[in-house]
């Protein structure tokens, strides 16, 4: 892998990390902007996925048209480690959703 490709991968990872920083800030308070949290989580996952695919030799253009579900399934075929990471990411995202559902339930009481 050449230096240009490594730098490109690092850019995707940096942007994904920035999305997660936004999620951390958005979840610091009692009232959570759920749609914004979910949006930035999805963006982070997509950017990490692009970095992974590029590091695996797959040419990914900077676009919002990546079909995330297909890309995830493709990534699982490439790497067992990715399969494990995917399960972990799903658990984290589900945790955010469950927290929000609990808050909505408590507010309705």
N, C-alpha and C. Protein backbone atom coordinates (compact mmCIF):
# COMPACT_ATOMS: atom_id res chain seq x y z
N UNK A 1 0.86 -1.18 0.00
CA UNK A 1 0.00 0.00 0.00
C UNK A 1 0.91 1.24 0.00
N UNK A 2 0.62 2.16 -0.91
CA UNK A 2 1.47 3.35 -0.99
C UNK A 2 1.07 4.41 0.04
N UNK A 3 1.93 5.41 0.20
CA UNK A 3 1.72 6.45 1.22
C UNK A 3 0.45 7.26 0.96
N UNK A 4 0.12 7.48 -0.30
CA UNK A 4 -1.09 8.24 -0.64
C UNK A 4 -2.34 7.50 -0.18
N UNK A 5 -2.36 6.20 -0.39
CA UNK A 5 -3.50 5.39 0.05
C UNK A 5 -3.59 5.37 1.58
N UNK A 6 -2.45 5.24 2.25
CA UNK A 6 -2.44 5.27 3.72
C UNK A 6 -2.99 6.59 4.24
N UNK A 7 -2.58 7.69 3.60
CA UNK A 7 -3.06 9.02 4.02
C UNK A 7 -4.57 9.13 3.79
N UNK A 8 -5.05 8.57 2.68
CA UNK A 8 -6.48 8.60 2.36
C UNK A 8 -7.29 7.84 3.41
N UNK A 9 -6.77 6.69 3.81
CA UNK A 9 -7.43 5.87 4.84
C UNK A 9 -7.46 6.64 6.17
N UNK A 10 -6.35 7.27 6.51
CA UNK A 10 -6.29 8.05 7.75
C UNK A 10 -7.30 9.19 7.74
N UNK A 11 -7.52 9.80 6.58
CA UNK A 11 -8.52 10.87 6.48
C UNK A 11 -9.92 10.34 6.80
N UNK A 12 -10.26 9.16 6.27
CA UNK A 12 -11.57 8.58 6.55
C UNK A 12 -11.72 8.27 8.03
N UNK A 13 -10.65 7.73 8.64
CA UNK A 13 -10.71 7.39 10.07
C UNK A 13 -10.82 8.66 10.90
N UNK A 14 -10.09 9.70 10.54
CA UNK A 14 -10.16 10.98 11.27
C UNK A 14 -11.58 11.54 11.22
N UNK A 15 -12.19 11.51 10.04
CA UNK A 15 -13.56 12.02 9.90
C UNK A 15 -14.55 11.18 10.71
N UNK A 16 -14.35 9.88 10.72
CA UNK A 16 -15.23 9.00 11.51
C UNK A 16 -15.08 9.31 13.00
N UNK A 17 -13.86 9.49 13.43
CA UNK A 17 -13.62 9.83 14.84
C UNK A 17 -14.27 11.15 15.21
N UNK A 18 -14.26 12.11 14.28
CA UNK A 18 -14.92 13.40 14.53
C UNK A 18 -16.43 13.21 14.69
N UNK A 19 -17.02 12.33 13.89
CA UNK A 19 -18.45 12.04 14.05
C UNK A 19 -18.73 11.48 15.44
N UNK A 20 -17.85 10.61 15.93
CA UNK A 20 -18.06 10.04 17.26
C UNK A 20 -17.86 11.08 18.36
N UNK A 21 -16.98 12.04 18.14
CA UNK A 21 -16.84 13.15 19.10
C UNK A 21 -18.15 13.94 19.19
N UNK A 22 -18.78 14.15 18.04
CA UNK A 22 -20.07 14.85 18.02
C UNK A 22 -21.10 14.04 18.81
N UNK A 23 -21.12 12.73 18.61
CA UNK A 23 -22.05 11.86 19.35
C UNK A 23 -21.81 11.99 20.85
N UNK A 24 -20.54 11.97 21.25
CA UNK A 24 -20.23 12.12 22.68
C UNK A 24 -20.80 13.43 23.23
N UNK A 25 -20.62 14.51 22.50
CA UNK A 25 -21.14 15.82 22.94
C UNK A 25 -22.67 15.82 22.97
N UNK A 26 -23.29 15.25 21.97
CA UNK A 26 -24.75 15.25 21.89
C UNK A 26 -25.40 14.40 22.98
N UNK A 27 -24.65 13.47 23.54
CA UNK A 27 -25.23 12.58 24.56
C UNK A 27 -24.82 12.96 25.98
N UNK A 28 -24.18 14.11 26.14
CA UNK A 28 -23.77 14.56 27.47
C UNK A 28 -24.94 15.08 28.30
N UNK A 29 -26.01 15.45 27.65
CA UNK A 29 -27.10 16.12 28.34
C UNK A 29 -28.30 15.19 28.51
N UNK A 30 -29.21 15.60 29.38
CA UNK A 30 -30.39 14.79 29.64
C UNK A 30 -31.29 14.68 28.41
N UNK A 31 -31.43 15.78 27.69
CA UNK A 31 -32.24 15.76 26.46
C UNK A 31 -31.30 15.46 25.30
N UNK A 32 -31.61 14.39 24.57
CA UNK A 32 -30.73 13.94 23.48
C UNK A 32 -31.44 14.12 22.15
N UNK A 33 -30.72 14.70 21.21
CA UNK A 33 -31.24 14.85 19.85
C UNK A 33 -31.01 13.52 19.13
N UNK A 34 -31.95 12.62 19.30
CA UNK A 34 -31.80 11.25 18.81
C UNK A 34 -31.47 11.16 17.33
N UNK A 35 -32.17 11.91 16.51
CA UNK A 35 -31.93 11.80 15.07
C UNK A 35 -30.52 12.26 14.72
N UNK A 36 -30.01 13.26 15.42
CA UNK A 36 -28.64 13.73 15.16
C UNK A 36 -27.62 12.71 15.63
N UNK A 37 -27.88 12.10 16.78
CA UNK A 37 -26.98 11.06 17.29
C UNK A 37 -26.94 9.89 16.31
N UNK A 38 -28.09 9.45 15.87
CA UNK A 38 -28.15 8.33 14.92
C UNK A 38 -27.47 8.68 13.60
N UNK A 39 -27.68 9.91 13.13
CA UNK A 39 -27.05 10.35 11.89
C UNK A 39 -25.53 10.27 12.00
N UNK A 40 -24.97 10.81 13.08
CA UNK A 40 -23.51 10.82 13.22
C UNK A 40 -22.95 9.42 13.46
N UNK A 41 -23.71 8.56 14.14
CA UNK A 41 -23.29 7.16 14.30
C UNK A 41 -23.23 6.48 12.93
N UNK A 42 -24.27 6.68 12.14
CA UNK A 42 -24.32 6.09 10.80
C UNK A 42 -23.17 6.62 9.95
N UNK A 43 -22.90 7.91 10.05
CA UNK A 43 -21.80 8.51 9.28
C UNK A 43 -20.46 7.91 9.70
N UNK A 44 -20.26 7.74 11.00
CA UNK A 44 -19.01 7.15 11.49
C UNK A 44 -18.84 5.73 10.97
N UNK A 45 -19.90 4.94 11.06
CA UNK A 45 -19.84 3.56 10.58
C UNK A 45 -19.50 3.53 9.10
N UNK A 46 -20.14 4.38 8.32
CA UNK A 46 -19.89 4.41 6.88
C UNK A 46 -18.44 4.80 6.59
N UNK A 47 -17.90 5.76 7.32
CA UNK A 47 -16.52 6.20 7.09
C UNK A 47 -15.51 5.14 7.52
N UNK A 48 -15.75 4.49 8.66
CA UNK A 48 -14.86 3.39 9.07
C UNK A 48 -14.92 2.25 8.04
N UNK A 49 -16.11 1.98 7.55
CA UNK A 49 -16.28 0.94 6.55
C UNK A 49 -15.51 1.27 5.28
N UNK A 50 -15.59 2.51 4.83
CA UNK A 50 -14.84 2.93 3.65
C UNK A 50 -13.34 2.76 3.87
N UNK A 51 -12.85 3.15 5.06
CA UNK A 51 -11.43 3.00 5.37
C UNK A 51 -11.03 1.52 5.32
N UNK A 52 -11.89 0.67 5.87
CA UNK A 52 -11.60 -0.77 5.87
C UNK A 52 -11.56 -1.32 4.44
N UNK A 53 -12.54 -0.96 3.64
CA UNK A 53 -12.58 -1.47 2.27
C UNK A 53 -11.38 -0.99 1.46
N UNK A 54 -11.01 0.27 1.62
CA UNK A 54 -9.85 0.81 0.91
C UNK A 54 -8.59 0.06 1.35
N UNK A 55 -8.46 -0.19 2.66
CA UNK A 55 -7.28 -0.91 3.16
C UNK A 55 -7.26 -2.36 2.66
N UNK A 56 -8.41 -2.86 2.24
CA UNK A 56 -8.51 -4.22 1.69
C UNK A 56 -8.34 -4.25 0.18
N UNK A 57 -8.02 -3.08 -0.39
CA UNK A 57 -7.77 -3.02 -1.83
C UNK A 57 -8.99 -2.72 -2.68
N UNK A 58 -10.11 -2.36 -2.06
CA UNK A 58 -11.33 -2.04 -2.79
C UNK A 58 -11.35 -0.54 -3.05
N UNK A 59 -11.58 -0.16 -4.30
CA UNK A 59 -11.61 1.26 -4.68
C UNK A 59 -12.95 1.86 -4.30
N UNK A 60 -12.94 2.77 -3.35
CA UNK A 60 -14.15 3.44 -2.89
C UNK A 60 -14.01 4.92 -3.17
N UNK A 61 -14.96 5.47 -3.87
CA UNK A 61 -14.96 6.90 -4.16
C UNK A 61 -15.60 7.64 -2.99
N UNK A 62 -15.24 8.91 -2.85
CA UNK A 62 -15.84 9.77 -1.81
C UNK A 62 -17.24 10.12 -2.27
N UNK A 63 -18.21 9.36 -1.77
CA UNK A 63 -19.59 9.53 -2.20
C UNK A 63 -20.53 9.16 -1.06
N UNK A 64 -21.73 9.65 -1.13
CA UNK A 64 -22.76 9.25 -0.16
C UNK A 64 -23.63 8.14 -0.73
N UNK A 65 -23.26 7.62 -1.89
CA UNK A 65 -24.08 6.62 -2.55
C UNK A 65 -23.65 5.19 -2.24
N UNK A 66 -22.76 5.01 -1.25
CA UNK A 66 -22.36 3.65 -0.89
C UNK A 66 -23.59 2.94 -0.31
N UNK A 67 -23.81 1.75 -0.77
CA UNK A 67 -24.92 0.97 -0.24
C UNK A 67 -24.40 0.25 0.99
N UNK A 68 -24.69 0.81 2.15
CA UNK A 68 -24.07 0.40 3.41
C UNK A 68 -24.28 -1.08 3.71
N UNK A 69 -25.48 -1.57 3.55
CA UNK A 69 -25.75 -2.97 3.88
C UNK A 69 -24.92 -3.91 3.00
N UNK A 70 -24.87 -3.62 1.70
CA UNK A 70 -24.07 -4.46 0.80
C UNK A 70 -22.59 -4.38 1.14
N UNK A 71 -22.12 -3.18 1.46
CA UNK A 71 -20.71 -3.01 1.79
C UNK A 71 -20.35 -3.75 3.07
N UNK A 72 -21.24 -3.74 4.05
CA UNK A 72 -20.99 -4.46 5.30
C UNK A 72 -20.92 -5.96 5.03
N UNK A 73 -21.85 -6.48 4.26
CA UNK A 73 -21.84 -7.92 3.94
C UNK A 73 -20.57 -8.30 3.19
N UNK A 74 -20.14 -7.45 2.26
CA UNK A 74 -18.91 -7.69 1.51
C UNK A 74 -17.72 -7.71 2.46
N UNK A 75 -17.70 -6.76 3.40
CA UNK A 75 -16.60 -6.67 4.36
C UNK A 75 -16.52 -7.90 5.25
N UNK A 76 -17.66 -8.44 5.63
CA UNK A 76 -17.68 -9.65 6.45
C UNK A 76 -17.02 -10.81 5.73
N UNK A 77 -17.16 -10.86 4.41
CA UNK A 77 -16.54 -11.93 3.64
C UNK A 77 -15.03 -11.77 3.59
N UNK A 78 -14.56 -10.53 3.67
CA UNK A 78 -13.12 -10.26 3.61
C UNK A 78 -12.43 -10.66 4.91
N UNK A 79 -13.08 -10.40 6.03
CA UNK A 79 -12.36 -10.50 7.29
C UNK A 79 -13.24 -10.99 8.43
N UNK A 80 -12.76 -11.98 9.17
CA UNK A 80 -13.46 -12.45 10.36
C UNK A 80 -13.44 -11.37 11.44
N UNK A 81 -12.33 -10.61 11.51
CA UNK A 81 -12.23 -9.54 12.49
C UNK A 81 -13.30 -8.49 12.23
N UNK A 82 -13.55 -8.20 10.96
CA UNK A 82 -14.57 -7.21 10.63
C UNK A 82 -15.95 -7.71 11.06
N UNK A 83 -16.17 -9.00 10.91
CA UNK A 83 -17.45 -9.58 11.31
C UNK A 83 -17.68 -9.34 12.81
N UNK A 84 -16.62 -9.53 13.60
CA UNK A 84 -16.71 -9.31 15.03
C UNK A 84 -16.93 -7.82 15.34
N UNK A 85 -16.21 -6.94 14.64
CA UNK A 85 -16.38 -5.50 14.82
C UNK A 85 -17.79 -5.06 14.46
N UNK A 86 -18.33 -5.64 13.42
CA UNK A 86 -19.68 -5.30 12.97
C UNK A 86 -20.70 -5.63 14.06
N UNK A 87 -20.55 -6.79 14.68
CA UNK A 87 -21.46 -7.19 15.76
C UNK A 87 -21.33 -6.23 16.93
N UNK A 88 -20.10 -5.84 17.25
CA UNK A 88 -19.86 -4.91 18.35
C UNK A 88 -20.49 -3.54 18.05
N UNK A 89 -20.33 -3.06 16.82
CA UNK A 89 -20.91 -1.78 16.43
C UNK A 89 -22.43 -1.82 16.52
N UNK A 90 -23.02 -2.92 16.09
CA UNK A 90 -24.48 -3.05 16.17
C UNK A 90 -24.94 -2.99 17.63
N UNK A 91 -24.18 -3.61 18.52
CA UNK A 91 -24.54 -3.59 19.95
C UNK A 91 -24.46 -2.17 20.50
N UNK A 92 -23.45 -1.42 20.11
CA UNK A 92 -23.31 -0.04 20.58
C UNK A 92 -24.46 0.82 20.08
N UNK A 93 -24.76 0.70 18.79
CA UNK A 93 -25.86 1.48 18.22
C UNK A 93 -27.19 1.11 18.85
N UNK A 94 -27.39 -0.16 19.12
CA UNK A 94 -28.63 -0.61 19.76
C UNK A 94 -28.70 -0.03 21.18
N UNK A 95 -27.57 0.06 21.86
CA UNK A 95 -27.53 0.64 23.19
C UNK A 95 -28.01 2.08 23.20
N UNK A 96 -27.58 2.87 22.21
CA UNK A 96 -28.06 4.25 22.11
C UNK A 96 -29.57 4.28 21.91
N UNK A 97 -30.07 3.42 21.07
CA UNK A 97 -31.51 3.39 20.79
C UNK A 97 -32.29 2.97 22.02
N UNK A 98 -31.81 1.97 22.75
CA UNK A 98 -32.51 1.52 23.95
C UNK A 98 -32.55 2.62 25.01
N UNK A 99 -31.45 3.35 25.16
CA UNK A 99 -31.43 4.47 26.11
C UNK A 99 -32.51 5.49 25.77
N UNK A 100 -32.63 5.79 24.50
CA UNK A 100 -33.61 6.78 24.06
C UNK A 100 -35.04 6.26 24.28
N UNK A 101 -35.27 4.99 24.02
CA UNK A 101 -36.60 4.42 24.24
C UNK A 101 -36.96 4.44 25.72
N UNK A 102 -35.99 4.18 26.59
CA UNK A 102 -36.24 4.23 28.02
C UNK A 102 -36.61 5.65 28.46
N UNK A 103 -35.91 6.64 27.94
CA UNK A 103 -36.22 8.03 28.28
C UNK A 103 -37.61 8.42 27.80
N UNK A 104 -37.95 7.98 26.59
CA UNK A 104 -39.30 8.28 26.05
C UNK A 104 -40.36 7.63 26.93
N UNK A 105 -40.12 6.40 27.38
CA UNK A 105 -41.06 5.69 28.23
C UNK A 105 -41.23 6.42 29.57
N UNK A 106 -40.10 6.84 30.16
CA UNK A 106 -40.16 7.54 31.44
C UNK A 106 -40.91 8.88 31.33
N UNK A 107 -40.76 9.55 30.21
CA UNK A 107 -41.43 10.83 30.00
C UNK A 107 -42.95 10.67 29.86
N UNK A 108 -43.38 9.53 29.37
CA UNK A 108 -44.81 9.27 29.17
C UNK A 108 -45.51 8.90 30.47
N UNK A 109 -44.76 8.49 31.47
CA UNK A 109 -45.37 8.08 32.76
C UNK A 109 -45.99 9.24 33.47
